[in-house]
Amino acid sequence: MFFIRCSSTSNVDLREYLTEESQVTEKHTTYDLVANVVHDGKPTEGAYRTHVLHHGTGKWYEMQDLQVTDILPQMITLSEAYIQIWKRREDDDTPIHTGA
């Protein structure tokens, strides 16, 4: 496990964190964040918030219980993530628009 402080939700290149051999063999090393889970509260209690990217619109949403609200991508990078889900870009992938 490792920790990287990232100020972006898209087009993050992780090539520098690979071994030298993998840097040569791995063609696709750029990722886009598609979901972010945050835990608020003490380890034994609290609540979870989830940030999810809507691929059709490129907008981010925050979900907690039954409440869904718009959120700016910049707010996601400021949160302390519990779990993050990244999608690796392939040659034919169009960059994910994370319009603010």
C-alpha atoms as a PDB file:
ATOM      1  CA  MET A   1       0.000   0.000   0.000  1.00  0.00           C
ATOM      2  CA  PHE A   2       1.188   3.513  -0.713  1.00  0.00           C
ATOM      3  CA  PHE A   3      -0.063   7.052  -0.390  1.00  0.00           C
ATOM      4  CA  ILE A   4       0.015   9.684  -3.118  1.00  0.00           C
ATOM      5  CA  ARG A   5      -1.242  13.213  -2.569  1.00  0.00           C
ATOM      6  CA  CYS A   6      -3.105  14.087  -5.737  1.00  0.00           C
ATOM      7  CA  SER A   7      -4.695  17.400  -6.665  1.00  0.00           C
ATOM      8  CA  SER A   8      -6.525  16.092  -9.724  1.00  0.00           C
ATOM      9  CA  THR A   9      -9.380  13.707 -10.399  1.00  0.00           C
ATOM     10  CA  SER A  10      -8.408  12.929 -13.987  1.00  0.00           C
ATOM     11  CA  ASN A  11      -5.412  12.186 -16.179  1.00  0.00           C
ATOM     12  CA  VAL A  12      -3.174  11.046 -13.315  1.00  0.00           C
ATOM     13  CA  ASP A  13      -0.068   9.280 -14.627  1.00  0.00           C
ATOM     14  CA  LEU A  14       1.310   6.682 -12.192  1.00  0.00           C
ATOM     15  CA  ARG A  15       4.228   5.576 -14.374  1.00  0.00           C
ATOM     16  CA  GLU A  16       6.860   6.967 -11.987  1.00  0.00           C
ATOM     17  CA  TYR A  17       5.616   4.622  -9.234  1.00  0.00           C
ATOM     18  CA  LEU A  18       6.191   1.477 -11.311  1.00  0.00           C
ATOM     19  CA  THR A  19       9.360  -0.580 -11.342  1.00  0.00           C
ATOM     20  CA  GLU A  20      11.777   0.195 -14.178  1.00  0.00           C
ATOM     21  CA  GLU A  21      10.773  -3.040 -15.919  1.00  0.00           C
ATOM     22  CA  SER A  22       7.070  -2.221 -15.662  1.00  0.00           C
ATOM     23  CA  GLN A  23       7.664   1.302 -16.936  1.00  0.00           C
ATOM     24  CA  VAL A  24       8.959  -0.248 -20.155  1.00  0.00           C
ATOM     25  CA  THR A  25       6.299  -2.933 -20.541  1.00  0.00           C
ATOM     26  CA  GLU A  26       3.162  -1.131 -19.329  1.00  0.00           C
ATOM     27  CA  LYS A  27       1.598   0.933 -22.086  1.00  0.00           C
ATOM     28  CA  HIS A  28      -1.285   2.441 -20.101  1.00  0.00           C
ATOM     29  CA  THR A  29      -0.411   4.176 -16.831  1.00  0.00           C
ATOM     30  CA  THR A  30      -2.871   7.076 -16.766  1.00  0.00           C
ATOM     31  CA  TYR A  31      -5.967   6.904 -14.575  1.00  0.00           C
ATOM     32  CA  ASP A  32      -9.179   8.838 -13.911  1.00  0.00           C
ATOM     33  CA  LEU A  33     -10.946   8.880 -10.558  1.00  0.00           C
ATOM     34  CA  VAL A  34     -14.513   7.563 -10.855  1.00  0.00           C
ATOM     35  CA  ALA A  35     -15.538   7.161  -7.187  1.00  0.00           C
ATOM     36  CA  ASN A  36     -14.363   8.341  -3.787  1.00  0.00           C
ATOM     37  CA  VAL A  37     -15.581   7.070  -0.393  1.00  0.00           C
ATOM     38  CA  VAL A  38     -15.108   9.209   2.728  1.00  0.00           C
ATOM     39  CA  HIS A  39     -15.749   8.176   6.334  1.00  0.00           C
ATOM     40  CA  ASP A  40     -16.735  10.914   8.765  1.00  0.00           C
ATOM     41  CA  GLY A  41     -16.525  10.265  12.498  1.00  0.00           C
ATOM     42  CA  LYS A  42     -14.749   7.904  14.847  1.00  0.00           C
ATOM     43  CA  PRO A  43     -13.471   4.517  13.629  1.00  0.00           C
ATOM     44  CA  THR A  44     -16.208   2.710  15.573  1.00  0.00           C
ATOM     45  CA  GLU A  45     -19.035   5.016  14.493  1.00  0.00           C
ATOM     46  CA  GLY A  46     -19.825   7.672  11.950  1.00  0.00           C
ATOM     47  CA  ALA A  47     -21.133   7.914   8.422  1.00  0.00           C
ATOM     48  CA  TYR A  48     -19.943   7.373   4.880  1.00  0.00           C
ATOM     49  CA  ARG A  49     -20.201   9.793   1.964  1.00  0.00           C
ATOM     50  CA  THR A  50     -19.610   8.695  -1.603  1.00  0.00           C
ATOM     51  CA  HIS A  51     -18.511  10.893  -4.502  1.00  0.00           C
ATOM     52  CA  VAL A  52     -19.398   9.440  -7.900  1.00  0.00           C
ATOM     53  CA  LEU A  53     -18.631  10.673 -11.403  1.00  0.00           C
ATOM     54  CA  HIS A  54     -21.521  10.564 -13.880  1.00  0.00           C
ATOM     55  CA  HIS A  55     -19.794   9.600 -17.129  1.00  0.00           C
ATOM     56  CA  GLY A  56     -22.581  10.950 -19.326  1.00  0.00           C
ATOM     57  CA  THR A  57     -22.356  14.498 -18.006  1.00  0.00           C
ATOM     58  CA  GLY A  58     -18.901  14.581 -16.421  1.00  0.00           C
ATOM     59  CA  LYS A  59     -20.472  15.951 -13.232  1.00  0.00           C
ATOM     60  CA  TRP A  60     -19.591  14.784  -9.741  1.00  0.00           C
ATOM     61  CA  TYR A  61     -22.233  13.939  -7.151  1.00  0.00           C
ATOM     62  CA  GLU A  62     -22.031  13.384  -3.416  1.00  0.00           C
ATOM     63  CA  MET A  63     -24.320  10.759  -1.916  1.00  0.00           C
ATOM     64  CA  GLN A  64     -25.069  10.260   1.750  1.00  0.00           C
ATOM     65  CA  ASP A  65     -28.003   8.133   2.773  1.00  0.00           C
ATOM     66  CA  LEU A  66     -30.884   9.308   0.546  1.00  0.00           C
ATOM     67  CA  GLN A  67     -29.428  12.725  -0.218  1.00  0.00           C
ATOM     68  CA  VAL A  68     -27.679  13.408  -3.548  1.00  0.00           C
ATOM     69  CA  THR A  69     -26.062  16.775  -4.288  1.00  0.00           C
ATOM     70  CA  ASP A  70     -23.757  18.246  -6.938  1.00  0.00           C
ATOM     71  CA  ILE A  71     -20.131  18.654  -5.887  1.00  0.00           C
ATOM     72  CA  LEU A  72     -17.180  20.405  -7.495  1.00  0.00           C
ATOM     73  CA  PRO A  73     -14.236  18.132  -8.440  1.00  0.00           C
ATOM     74  CA  GLN A  74     -11.932  20.397  -6.420  1.00  0.00           C
ATOM     75  CA  MET A  75     -13.783  19.437  -3.241  1.00  0.00           C
ATOM     76  CA  ILE A  76     -13.030  15.769  -3.814  1.00  0.00           C
ATOM     77  CA  THR A  77      -9.283  16.354  -3.830  1.00  0.00           C
ATOM     78  CA  LEU A  78      -9.601  18.084  -0.450  1.00  0.00           C
ATOM     79  CA  SER A  79     -11.408  15.170   1.200  1.00  0.00           C
ATOM     80  CA  GLU A  80      -9.664  12.431   3.154  1.00  0.00           C
ATOM     81  CA  ALA A  81     -10.554   9.367   1.124  1.00  0.00           C
ATOM     82  CA  TYR A  82     -11.230   6.012   2.739  1.00  0.00           C
ATOM     83  CA  ILE A  83     -11.428   4.206  -0.608  1.00  0.00           C
ATOM     84  CA  GLN A  84     -10.875   5.470  -4.154  1.00  0.00           C
ATOM     85  CA  ILE A  85     -11.767   3.766  -7.426  1.00  0.00           C
ATOM     86  CA  TRP A  86      -9.710   4.676 -10.482  1.00  0.00           C
ATOM     87  CA  LYS A  87     -10.285   3.711 -14.121  1.00  0.00           C
ATOM     88  CA  ARG A  88      -7.242   3.101 -16.276  1.00  0.00           C
ATOM     89  CA  ARG A  89      -7.278   4.891 -19.609  1.00  0.00           C
ATOM     90  CA  GLU A  90      -6.788   2.898 -22.778  1.00  0.00           C
ATOM     91  CA  ASP A  91      -5.709   4.184 -26.222  1.00  0.00           C
ATOM     92  CA  ASP A  92      -9.261   4.701 -27.412  1.00  0.00           C
ATOM     93  CA  ASP A  93     -10.542   6.296 -24.193  1.00  0.00           C
ATOM     94  CA  THR A  94     -11.812   9.819 -24.412  1.00  0.00           C
ATOM     95  CA  PRO A  95     -10.643  11.865 -21.430  1.00  0.00           C
ATOM     96  CA  ILE A  96     -13.308  12.136 -18.777  1.00  0.00           C
ATOM     97  CA  HIS A  97     -14.682  15.655 -18.668  1.00  0.00           C
ATOM     98  CA  THR A  98     -14.901  16.787 -15.081  1.00  0.00           C
ATOM     99  CA  GLY A  99     -16.532  20.123 -15.775  1.00  0.00           C
ATOM    100  CA  ALA A 100     -16.839  22.475 -12.860  1.00  0.00           C
END
